[in-house]
């Protein structure tokens, strides 16, 4: 039962957090003159990666599931994933400048 509750919690957090991050990213892109529809995939993937890092390093320890396999991501991998997400967020403005 705890596993099912944790799965529901993950889904709920995913839709809320990724939805908010994607909305903010698309709003920023629109304000600087980038068509959000054309580059929406980059923002969604970056939001998903950030959610994954947040969940694995912070939120998984405050949930209902208490089984095996609960450990933080290695610091090097966390940094790599966060830098990848930042790169994905900065890519649409650069691609928009290219002809």
PDB file of N, CA and C in Angstrom:
ATOM      1  N   UNK A   1       0.819  -1.201   0.000  1.00  0.00           N
ATOM      2  CA  UNK A   1       0.000   0.000   0.000  1.00  0.00           C
ATOM      3  C   UNK A   1       0.863   1.265   0.000  1.00  0.00           C
ATOM      4  N   UNK A   2       1.985   1.191   0.752  1.00  0.00           N
ATOM      5  CA  UNK A   2       2.867   2.364   0.790  1.00  0.00           C
ATOM      6  C   UNK A   2       3.455   2.669  -0.582  1.00  0.00           C
ATOM      7  N   UNK A   3       3.745   1.624  -1.347  1.00  0.00           N
ATOM      8  CA  UNK A   3       4.306   1.821  -2.677  1.00  0.00           C
ATOM      9  C   UNK A   3       3.306   2.517  -3.580  1.00  0.00           C
ATOM     10  N   UNK A   4       2.052   2.133  -3.498  1.00  0.00           N
ATOM     11  CA  UNK A   4       1.004   2.771  -4.302  1.00  0.00           C
ATOM     12  C   UNK A   4       0.832   4.231  -3.906  1.00  0.00           C
ATOM     13  N   UNK A   5       0.843   4.511  -2.612  1.00  0.00           N
ATOM     14  CA  UNK A   5       0.744   5.899  -2.156  1.00  0.00           C
ATOM     15  C   UNK A   5       1.925   6.731  -2.646  1.00  0.00           C
ATOM     16  N   UNK A   6       3.111   6.144  -2.625  1.00  0.00           N
ATOM     17  CA  UNK A   6       4.296   6.863  -3.091  1.00  0.00           C
ATOM     18  C   UNK A   6       4.218   7.114  -4.599  1.00  0.00           C
ATOM     19  N   UNK A   7       3.703   6.156  -5.338  1.00  0.00           N
ATOM     20  CA  UNK A   7       3.548   6.338  -6.780  1.00  0.00           C
ATOM     21  C   UNK A   7       2.563   7.468  -7.081  1.00  0.00           C
ATOM     22  N   UNK A   8       1.464   7.504  -6.365  1.00  0.00           N
ATOM     23  CA  UNK A   8       0.485   8.593  -6.531  1.00  0.00           C
ATOM     24  C   UNK A   8       1.123   9.930  -6.168  1.00  0.00           C
ATOM     25  N   UNK A   9       1.924   9.945  -5.116  1.00  0.00           N
ATOM     26  CA  UNK A   9       2.620  11.171  -4.701  1.00  0.00           C
ATOM     27  C   UNK A   9       3.591  11.641  -5.774  1.00  0.00           C
ATOM     28  N   UNK A  10       4.337  10.708  -6.369  1.00  0.00           N
ATOM     29  CA  UNK A  10       5.285  11.063  -7.429  1.00  0.00           C
ATOM     30  C   UNK A  10       4.549  11.657  -8.625  1.00  0.00           C
ATOM     31  N   UNK A  11       3.460  11.036  -9.023  1.00  0.00           N
ATOM     32  CA  UNK A  11       2.689  11.532 -10.171  1.00  0.00           C
ATOM     33  C   UNK A  11       2.140  12.926  -9.881  1.00  0.00           C
ATOM     34  N   UNK A  12       1.591  13.110  -8.692  1.00  0.00           N
ATOM     35  CA  UNK A  12       1.054  14.415  -8.311  1.00  0.00           C
ATOM     36  C   UNK A  12       2.159  15.478  -8.314  1.00  0.00           C
ATOM     37  N   UNK A  13       3.294  15.173  -7.666  1.00  0.00           N
ATOM     38  CA  UNK A  13       4.416  16.111  -7.652  1.00  0.00           C
ATOM     39  C   UNK A  13       4.922  16.402  -9.063  1.00  0.00           C
ATOM     40  N   UNK A  14       4.999  15.361  -9.891  1.00  0.00           N
ATOM     41  CA  UNK A  14       5.484  15.540 -11.254  1.00  0.00           C
ATOM     42  C   UNK A  14       4.623  16.547 -12.016  1.00  0.00           C
ATOM     43  N   UNK A  15       3.307  16.343 -11.992  1.00  0.00           N
ATOM     44  CA  UNK A  15       2.437  17.245 -12.744  1.00  0.00           C
ATOM     45  C   UNK A  15       2.472  18.666 -12.199  1.00  0.00           C
ATOM     46  N   UNK A  16       2.511  18.817 -10.896  1.00  0.00           N
ATOM     47  CA  UNK A  16       2.540  20.153 -10.309  1.00  0.00           C
ATOM     48  C   UNK A  16       3.870  20.844 -10.590  1.00  0.00           C
ATOM     49  N   UNK A  17       4.971  20.207 -10.234  1.00  0.00           N
ATOM     50  CA  UNK A  17       6.295  20.836 -10.346  1.00  0.00           C
ATOM     51  C   UNK A  17       6.699  21.051 -11.798  1.00  0.00           C
ATOM     52  N   UNK A  18       6.594  20.020 -12.623  1.00  0.00           N
ATOM     53  CA  UNK A  18       6.987  20.159 -14.030  1.00  0.00           C
ATOM     54  C   UNK A  18       6.044  21.133 -14.746  1.00  0.00           C
ATOM     55  N   UNK A  19       4.770  21.118 -14.392  1.00  0.00           N
ATOM     56  CA  UNK A  19       3.830  22.074 -14.987  1.00  0.00           C
ATOM     57  C   UNK A  19       4.188  23.510 -14.662  1.00  0.00           C
ATOM     58  N   UNK A  20       4.523  23.778 -13.408  1.00  0.00           N
ATOM     59  CA  UNK A  20       4.896  25.140 -13.014  1.00  0.00           C
ATOM     60  C   UNK A  20       6.200  25.564 -13.676  1.00  0.00           C
ATOM     61  N   UNK A  21       7.199  24.686 -13.652  1.00  0.00           N
ATOM     62  CA  UNK A  21       8.489  25.032 -14.268  1.00  0.00           C
ATOM     63  C   UNK A  21       8.324  25.274 -15.764  1.00  0.00           C
ATOM     64  N   UNK A  22       7.573  24.422 -16.448  1.00  0.00           N
ATOM     65  CA  UNK A  22       7.356  24.587 -17.887  1.00  0.00           C
ATOM     66  C   UNK A  22       6.600  25.871 -18.180  1.00  0.00           C
ATOM     67  N   UNK A  23       5.603  26.199 -17.368  1.00  0.00           N
ATOM     68  CA  UNK A  23       4.853  27.443 -17.553  1.00  0.00           C
ATOM     69  C   UNK A  23       5.771  28.661 -17.406  1.00  0.00           C
ATOM     70  N   UNK A  24       6.620  28.664 -16.390  1.00  0.00           N
ATOM     71  CA  UNK A  24       7.539  29.781 -16.169  1.00  0.00           C
ATOM     72  C   UNK A  24       8.527  29.895 -17.321  1.00  0.00           C
ATOM     73  N   UNK A  25       9.072  28.772 -17.755  1.00  0.00           N
ATOM     74  CA  UNK A  25      10.035  28.786 -18.860  1.00  0.00           C
ATOM     75  C   UNK A  25       9.388  29.319 -20.133  1.00  0.00           C
ATOM     76  N   UNK A  26       8.197  28.835 -20.464  1.00  0.00           N
ATOM     77  CA  UNK A  26       7.509  29.299 -21.671  1.00  0.00           C
ATOM     78  C   UNK A  26       7.154  30.771 -21.569  1.00  0.00           C
ATOM     79  N   UNK A  27       6.793  31.244 -20.383  1.00  0.00           N
ATOM     80  CA  UNK A  27       6.498  32.673 -20.205  1.00  0.00           C
ATOM     81  C   UNK A  27       7.742  33.518 -20.444  1.00  0.00           C
ATOM     82  N   UNK A  28       8.880  33.054 -19.935  1.00  0.00           N
ATOM     83  CA  UNK A  28      10.134  33.785 -20.143  1.00  0.00           C
ATOM     84  C   UNK A  28      10.502  33.788 -21.624  1.00  0.00           C
ATOM     85  N   UNK A  29      10.350  32.647 -22.276  1.00  0.00           N
ATOM     86  CA  UNK A  29      10.646  32.587 -23.708  1.00  0.00           C
ATOM     87  C   UNK A  29       9.761  33.553 -24.497  1.00  0.00           C
ATOM     88  N   UNK A  30       8.490  33.625 -24.158  1.00  0.00           N
ATOM     89  CA  UNK A  30       7.586  34.539 -24.864  1.00  0.00           C
ATOM     90  C   UNK A  30       7.977  35.994 -24.625  1.00  0.00           C
ATOM     91  N   UNK A  31       8.401  36.321 -23.414  1.00  0.00           N
ATOM     92  CA  UNK A  31       8.786  37.702 -23.107  1.00  0.00           C
ATOM     93  C   UNK A  31      10.038  38.138 -23.862  1.00  0.00           C
ATOM     94  N   UNK A  32      10.936  37.199 -24.143  1.00  0.00           N
ATOM     95  CA  UNK A  32      12.138  37.586 -24.875  1.00  0.00           C
ATOM     96  C   UNK A  32      11.989  37.360 -26.381  1.00  0.00           C
ATOM     97  N   UNK A  33      10.781  36.993 -26.813  1.00  0.00           N
ATOM     98  CA  UNK A  33      10.495  36.915 -28.235  1.00  0.00           C
ATOM     99  C   UNK A  33      10.764  35.578 -28.899  1.00  0.00           C
ATOM    100  N   UNK A  34      10.762  34.518 -28.144  1.00  0.00           N
ATOM    101  CA  UNK A  34      10.991  33.183 -28.692  1.00  0.00           C
ATOM    102  C   UNK A  34       9.654  32.462 -28.749  1.00  0.00           C
ATOM    103  N   UNK A  35       9.359  31.830 -29.876  1.00  0.00           N
ATOM    104  CA  UNK A  35       8.109  31.089 -29.980  1.00  0.00           C
ATOM    105  C   UNK A  35       8.181  29.857 -29.085  1.00  0.00           C
ATOM    106  N   UNK A  36       7.305  29.829 -28.104  1.00  0.00           N
ATOM    107  CA  UNK A  36       7.339  28.763 -27.099  1.00  0.00           C
ATOM    108  C   UNK A  36       6.978  27.408 -27.706  1.00  0.00           C
ATOM    109  N   UNK A  37       6.093  27.393 -28.697  1.00  0.00           N
ATOM    110  CA  UNK A  37       5.667  26.126 -29.291  1.00  0.00           C
ATOM    111  C   UNK A  37       6.807  25.435 -30.033  1.00  0.00           C
ATOM    112  N   UNK A  38       7.657  26.233 -30.646  1.00  0.00           N
ATOM    113  CA  UNK A  38       8.738  25.676 -31.437  1.00  0.00           C
ATOM    114  C   UNK A  38       9.790  24.978 -30.566  1.00  0.00           C
ATOM    115  N   UNK A  39      10.042  25.514 -29.381  1.00  0.00           N
ATOM    116  CA  UNK A  39      11.096  24.991 -28.515  1.00  0.00           C
ATOM    117  C   UNK A  39      10.561  24.461 -27.184  1.00  0.00           C
ATOM    118  N   UNK A  40       9.294  24.111 -27.118  1.00  0.00           N
ATOM    119  CA  UNK A  40       8.690  23.660 -25.857  1.00  0.00           C
ATOM    120  C   UNK A  40       9.310  22.359 -25.357  1.00  0.00           C
ATOM    121  N   UNK A  41       9.770  21.520 -26.243  1.00  0.00           N
ATOM    122  CA  UNK A  41      10.359  20.240 -25.837  1.00  0.00           C
ATOM    123  C   UNK A  41      11.612  20.416 -24.994  1.00  0.00           C
ATOM    124  N   UNK A  42      12.435  21.406 -25.323  1.00  0.00           N
ATOM    125  CA  UNK A  42      13.648  21.648 -24.548  1.00  0.00           C
ATOM    126  C   UNK A  42      13.301  22.012 -23.108  1.00  0.00           C
ATOM    127  N   UNK A  43      12.328  22.888 -22.943  1.00  0.00           N
ATOM    128  CA  UNK A  43      11.922  23.300 -21.599  1.00  0.00           C
ATOM    129  C   UNK A  43      11.324  22.159 -20.804  1.00  0.00           C
ATOM    130  N   UNK A  44      10.517  21.314 -21.465  1.00  0.00           N
ATOM    131  CA  UNK A  44       9.912  20.188 -20.765  1.00  0.00           C
ATOM    132  C   UNK A  44      10.956  19.188 -20.312  1.00  0.00           C
ATOM    133  N   UNK A  45      11.916  18.885 -21.181  1.00  0.00           N
ATOM    134  CA  UNK A  45      12.970  17.933 -20.813  1.00  0.00           C
ATOM    135  C   UNK A  45      13.818  18.498 -19.669  1.00  0.00           C
ATOM    136  N   UNK A  46      14.137  19.788 -19.735  1.00  0.00           N
ATOM    137  CA  UNK A  46      14.910  20.413 -18.655  1.00  0.00           C
ATOM    138  C   UNK A  46      14.124  20.368 -17.344  1.00  0.00           C
ATOM    139  N   UNK A  47      12.823  20.637 -17.390  1.00  0.00           N
ATOM    140  CA  UNK A  47      11.997  20.590 -16.184  1.00  0.00           C
ATOM    141  C   UNK A  47      11.945  19.167 -15.632  1.00  0.00           C
ATOM    142  N   UNK A  48      11.840  18.181 -16.508  1.00  0.00           N
ATOM    143  CA  UNK A  48      11.819  16.787 -16.069  1.00  0.00           C
ATOM    144  C   UNK A  48      13.134  16.400 -15.400  1.00  0.00           C
ATOM    145  N   UNK A  49      14.252  16.815 -15.970  1.00  0.00           N
ATOM    146  CA  UNK A  49      15.565  16.494 -15.385  1.00  0.00           C
ATOM    147  C   UNK A  49      15.698  17.155 -14.011  1.00  0.00           C
ATOM    148  N   UNK A  50      15.285  18.418 -13.898  1.00  0.00           N
ATOM    149  CA  UNK A  50      15.347  19.094 -12.605  1.00  0.00           C
ATOM    150  C   UNK A  50      14.442  18.421 -11.576  1.00  0.00           C
ATOM    151  N   UNK A  51      13.256  17.988 -12.004  1.00  0.00           N
ATOM    152  CA  UNK A  51      12.362  17.267 -11.100  1.00  0.00           C
ATOM    153  C   UNK A  51      13.004  15.961 -10.634  1.00  0.00           C
ATOM    154  N   UNK A  52      13.631  15.239 -11.554  1.00  0.00           N
ATOM    155  CA  UNK A  52      14.279  13.976 -11.217  1.00  0.00           C
ATOM    156  C   UNK A  52      15.368  14.176 -10.166  1.00  0.00           C
ATOM    157  N   UNK A  53      16.184  15.210 -10.341  1.00  0.00           N
ATOM    158  CA  UNK A  53      17.257  15.485  -9.390  1.00  0.00           C
ATOM    159  C   UNK A  53      16.672  15.879  -8.032  1.00  0.00           C
ATOM    160  N   UNK A  54      15.662  16.740  -8.045  1.00  0.00           N
ATOM    161  CA  UNK A  54      15.021  17.136  -6.789  1.00  0.00           C
ATOM    162  C   UNK A  54      14.410  15.953  -6.064  1.00  0.00           C
ATOM    163  N   UNK A  55      13.717  15.106  -6.808  1.00  0.00           N
ATOM    164  CA  UNK A  55      13.070  13.963  -6.171  1.00  0.00           C
ATOM    165  C   UNK A  55      14.095  13.001  -5.586  1.00  0.00           C
ATOM    166  N   UNK A  56      15.102  12.649  -6.377  1.00  0.00           N
ATOM    167  CA  UNK A  56      16.073  11.658  -5.912  1.00  0.00           C
ATOM    168  C   UNK A  56      16.941  12.174  -4.770  1.00  0.00           C
ATOM    169  N   UNK A  57      17.212  13.484  -4.737  1.00  0.00           N
ATOM    170  CA  UNK A  57      18.104  14.009  -3.706  1.00  0.00           C
ATOM    171  C   UNK A  57      17.374  14.545  -2.476  1.00  0.00           C
ATOM    172  N   UNK A  58      16.087  14.832  -2.585  1.00  0.00           N
ATOM    173  CA  UNK A  58      15.400  15.473  -1.469  1.00  0.00           C
ATOM    174  C   UNK A  58      14.066  14.804  -1.136  1.00  0.00           C
ATOM    175  N   UNK A  59      13.158  14.757  -2.093  1.00  0.00           N
ATOM    176  CA  UNK A  59      11.767  14.398  -1.805  1.00  0.00           C
ATOM    177  C   UNK A  59      11.534  12.914  -1.556  1.00  0.00           C
ATOM    178  N   UNK A  60      12.399  12.039  -2.028  1.00  0.00           N
ATOM    179  CA  UNK A  60      12.157  10.609  -1.823  1.00  0.00           C
ATOM    180  C   UNK A  60      12.290  10.217  -0.352  1.00  0.00           C
ATOM    181  N   UNK A  61      12.960  11.028   0.427  1.00  0.00           N
ATOM    182  CA  UNK A  61      13.160  10.708   1.835  1.00  0.00           C
ATOM    183  C   UNK A  61      12.013  11.180   2.716  1.00  0.00           C
ATOM    184  N   UNK A  62      11.083  11.944   2.159  1.00  0.00           N
ATOM    185  CA  UNK A  62       9.957  12.441   2.951  1.00  0.00           C
ATOM    186  C   UNK A  62       8.648  11.764   2.567  1.00  0.00           C
ATOM    187  N   UNK A  63       8.706  10.691   1.805  1.00  0.00           N
ATOM    188  CA  UNK A  63       7.501  10.020   1.329  1.00  0.00           C
ATOM    189  C   UNK A  63       7.109   8.836   2.182  1.00  0.00           C
ATOM    190  N   UNK A  64       6.177   8.049   1.644  1.00  0.00           N
ATOM    191  CA  UNK A  64       5.654   6.890   2.361  1.00  0.00           C
ATOM    192  C   UNK A  64       6.514   5.646   2.170  1.00  0.00           C
ATOM    193  N   UNK A  65       7.235   5.562   1.071  1.00  0.00           N
ATOM    194  CA  UNK A  65       8.012   4.353   0.781  1.00  0.00           C
ATOM    195  C   UNK A  65       9.262   4.329   1.652  1.00  0.00           C
ATOM    196  N   UNK A  66       9.482   3.224   2.324  1.00  0.00           N
ATOM    197  CA  UNK A  66      10.639   3.086   3.215  1.00  0.00           C
ATOM    198  C   UNK A  66      11.499   1.881   2.844  1.00  0.00           C
ATOM    199  N   UNK A  67      11.403   1.399   1.611  1.00  0.00           N
ATOM    200  CA  UNK A  67      12.112   0.197   1.196  1.00  0.00           C
ATOM    201  C   UNK A  67      13.557   0.449   0.820  1.00  0.00           C
ATOM    202  N   UNK A  68      14.131  -0.545   0.148  1.00  0.00           N
ATOM    203  CA  UNK A  68      15.530  -0.487  -0.262  1.00  0.00           C
ATOM    204  C   UNK A  68      15.692   0.433  -1.468  1.00  0.00           C
ATOM    205  N   UNK A  69      16.933   0.804  -1.730  1.00  0.00           N
ATOM    206  CA  UNK A  69      17.236   1.586  -2.916  1.00  0.00           C
ATOM    207  C   UNK A  69      17.032   3.077  -2.755  1.00  0.00           C
ATOM    208  N   UNK A  70      16.809   3.532  -1.553  1.00  0.00           N
ATOM    209  CA  UNK A  70      16.613   4.964  -1.317  1.00  0.00           C
ATOM    210  C   UNK A  70      17.964   5.597  -1.004  1.00  0.00           C
ATOM    211  N   UNK A  71      18.565   6.179  -2.005  1.00  0.00           N
ATOM    212  CA  UNK A  71      19.826   6.872  -1.798  1.00  0.00           C
ATOM    213  C   UNK A  71      19.915   8.053  -2.749  1.00  0.00           C
ATOM    214  N   UNK A  72      20.683   9.030  -2.355  1.00  0.00           N
ATOM    215  CA  UNK A  72      20.860  10.217  -3.180  1.00  0.00           C
ATOM    216  C   UNK A  72      21.671   9.877  -4.428  1.00  0.00           C
ATOM    217  N   UNK A  73      21.493  10.708  -5.445  1.00  0.00           N
ATOM    218  CA  UNK A  73      22.340  10.586  -6.631  1.00  0.00           C
ATOM    219  C   UNK A  73      23.754  11.012  -6.259  1.00  0.00           C
ATOM    220  N   UNK A  74      24.763  10.451  -6.908  1.00  0.00           N
ATOM    221  CA  UNK A  74      26.131  10.933  -6.662  1.00  0.00           C
ATOM    222  C   UNK A  74      26.233  12.421  -7.026  1.00  0.00           C
ATOM    223  N   UNK A  75      27.060  13.143  -6.278  1.00  0.00           N
ATOM    224  CA  UNK A  75      27.173  14.593  -6.485  1.00  0.00           C
ATOM    225  C   UNK A  75      27.605  14.935  -7.907  1.00  0.00           C
ATOM    226  N   UNK A  76      28.503  14.155  -8.451  1.00  0.00           N
ATOM    227  CA  UNK A  76      28.986  14.400  -9.804  1.00  0.00           C
ATOM    228  C   UNK A  76      27.846  14.261 -10.823  1.00  0.00           C
ATOM    229  N   UNK A  77      27.023  13.223 -10.663  1.00  0.00           N
ATOM    230  CA  UNK A  77      25.891  13.012 -11.557  1.00  0.00           C
ATOM    231  C   UNK A  77      24.853  14.113 -11.394  1.00  0.00           C
ATOM    232  N   UNK A  78      24.616  14.544 -10.152  1.00  0.00           N
ATOM    233  CA  UNK A  78      23.667  15.635  -9.915  1.00  0.00           C
ATOM    234  C   UNK A  78      24.119  16.910 -10.620  1.00  0.00           C
ATOM    235  N   UNK A  79      25.387  17.232 -10.492  1.00  0.00           N
ATOM    236  CA  UNK A  79      25.927  18.422 -11.157  1.00  0.00           C
ATOM    237  C   UNK A  79      25.807  18.310 -12.669  1.00  0.00           C
ATOM    238  N   UNK A  80      26.123  17.130 -13.199  1.00  0.00           N
ATOM    239  CA  UNK A  80      26.029  16.908 -14.641  1.00  0.00           C
ATOM    240  C   UNK A  80      24.590  17.082 -15.131  1.00  0.00           C
ATOM    241  N   UNK A  81      23.631  16.520 -14.404  1.00  0.00           N
ATOM    242  CA  UNK A  81      22.222  16.635 -14.805  1.00  0.00           C
ATOM    243  C   UNK A  81      21.726  18.072 -14.711  1.00  0.00           C
ATOM    244  N   UNK A  82      22.110  18.788 -13.668  1.00  0.00           N
ATOM    245  CA  UNK A  82      21.689  20.184 -13.526  1.00  0.00           C
ATOM    246  C   UNK A  82      22.305  21.037 -14.626  1.00  0.00           C
ATOM    247  N   UNK A  83      23.574  20.815 -14.935  1.00  0.00           N
ATOM    248  CA  UNK A  83      24.209  21.554 -16.032  1.00  0.00           C
ATOM    249  C   UNK A  83      23.567  21.224 -17.377  1.00  0.00           C
ATOM    250  N   UNK A  84      23.167  19.985 -17.558  1.00  0.00           N
ATOM    251  CA  UNK A  84      22.473  19.594 -18.788  1.00  0.00           C
ATOM    252  C   UNK A  84      21.127  20.321 -18.896  1.00  0.00           C
ATOM    253  N   UNK A  85      20.415  20.422 -17.781  1.00  0.00           N
ATOM    254  CA  UNK A  85      19.133  21.126 -17.781  1.00  0.00           C
ATOM    255  C   UNK A  85      19.327  22.608 -18.087  1.00  0.00           C
ATOM    256  N   UNK A  86      20.353  23.209 -17.514  1.00  0.00           N
ATOM    257  CA  UNK A  86      20.638  24.621 -17.797  1.00  0.00           C
ATOM    258  C   UNK A  86      20.990  24.797 -19.267  1.00  0.00           C
ATOM    259  N   UNK A  87      21.789  23.877 -19.811  1.00  0.00           N
ATOM    260  CA  UNK A  87      22.118  23.933 -21.235  1.00  0.00           C
ATOM    261  C   UNK A  87      20.860  23.859 -22.094  1.00  0.00           C
ATOM    262  N   UNK A  88      19.942  22.957 -21.738  1.00  0.00           N
ATOM    263  CA  UNK A  88      18.689  22.836 -22.494  1.00  0.00           C
ATOM    264  C   UNK A  88      17.843  24.100 -22.383  1.00  0.00           C
ATOM    265  N   UNK A  89      17.897  24.775 -21.249  1.00  0.00           N
ATOM    266  CA  UNK A  89      17.140  26.018 -21.078  1.00  0.00           C
ATOM    267  C   UNK A  89      17.748  27.166 -21.878  1.00  0.00           C
ATOM    268  N   UNK A  90      19.056  27.163 -22.030  1.00  0.00           N
ATOM    269  CA  UNK A  90      19.729  28.235 -22.771  1.00  0.00           C
ATOM    270  C   UNK A  90      19.800  27.973 -24.270  1.00  0.00           C
ATOM    271  N   UNK A  91      19.502  26.775 -24.688  1.00  0.00           N
ATOM    272  CA  UNK A  91      19.592  26.417 -26.103  1.00  0.00           C
ATOM    273  C   UNK A  91      18.562  27.132 -26.991  1.00  0.00           C
ATOM    274  N   UNK A  92      17.297  27.257 -26.608  1.00  0.00           N
ATOM    275  CA  UNK A  92      16.334  27.936 -27.488  1.00  0.00           C
ATOM    276  C   UNK A  92      16.678  29.382 -27.837  1.00  0.00           C
ATOM    277  N   UNK A  93      17.151  30.216 -26.892  1.00  0.00           N
ATOM    278  CA  UNK A  93      17.541  31.572 -27.318  1.00  0.00           C
ATOM    279  C   UNK A  93      18.677  31.567 -28.338  1.00  0.00           C
ATOM    280  N   UNK A  94      19.619  30.642 -28.196  1.00  0.00           N
ATOM    281  CA  UNK A  94      20.720  30.552 -29.153  1.00  0.00           C
ATOM    282  C   UNK A  94      20.212  30.063 -30.501  1.00  0.00           C
ATOM    283  N   UNK A  95      19.357  29.062 -30.504  1.00  0.00           N
ATOM    284  CA  UNK A  95      18.804  28.546 -31.767  1.00  0.00           C
ATOM    285  C   UNK A  95      17.916  29.573 -32.452  1.00  0.00           C
ATOM    286  N   UNK A  96      17.270  30.415 -31.677  1.00  0.00           N
ATOM    287  CA  UNK A  96      16.410  31.450 -32.241  1.00  0.00           C
ATOM    288  C   UNK A  96      17.227  32.519 -32.985  1.00  0.00           C
ATOM    289  N   UNK A  97      18.462  32.719 -32.570  1.00  0.00           N
ATOM    290  CA  UNK A  97      19.320  33.706 -33.233  1.00  0.00           C
ATOM    291  C   UNK A  97      19.867  33.217 -34.558  1.00  0.00           C
ATOM    292  N   UNK A  98      19.968  31.906 -34.706  1.00  0.00           N
ATOM    293  CA  UNK A  98      20.478  31.346 -35.955  1.00  0.00           C
ATOM    294  C   UNK A  98      19.441  31.479 -37.061  1.00  0.00           C
ATOM    295  N   UNK A  99      19.896  31.714 -38.299  1.00  0.00           N
ATOM    296  CA  UNK A  99      18.937  31.862 -39.411  1.00  0.00           C
ATOM    297  C   UNK A  99      18.292  30.567 -39.808  1.00  0.00           C
TER     298      UNK A  99
END
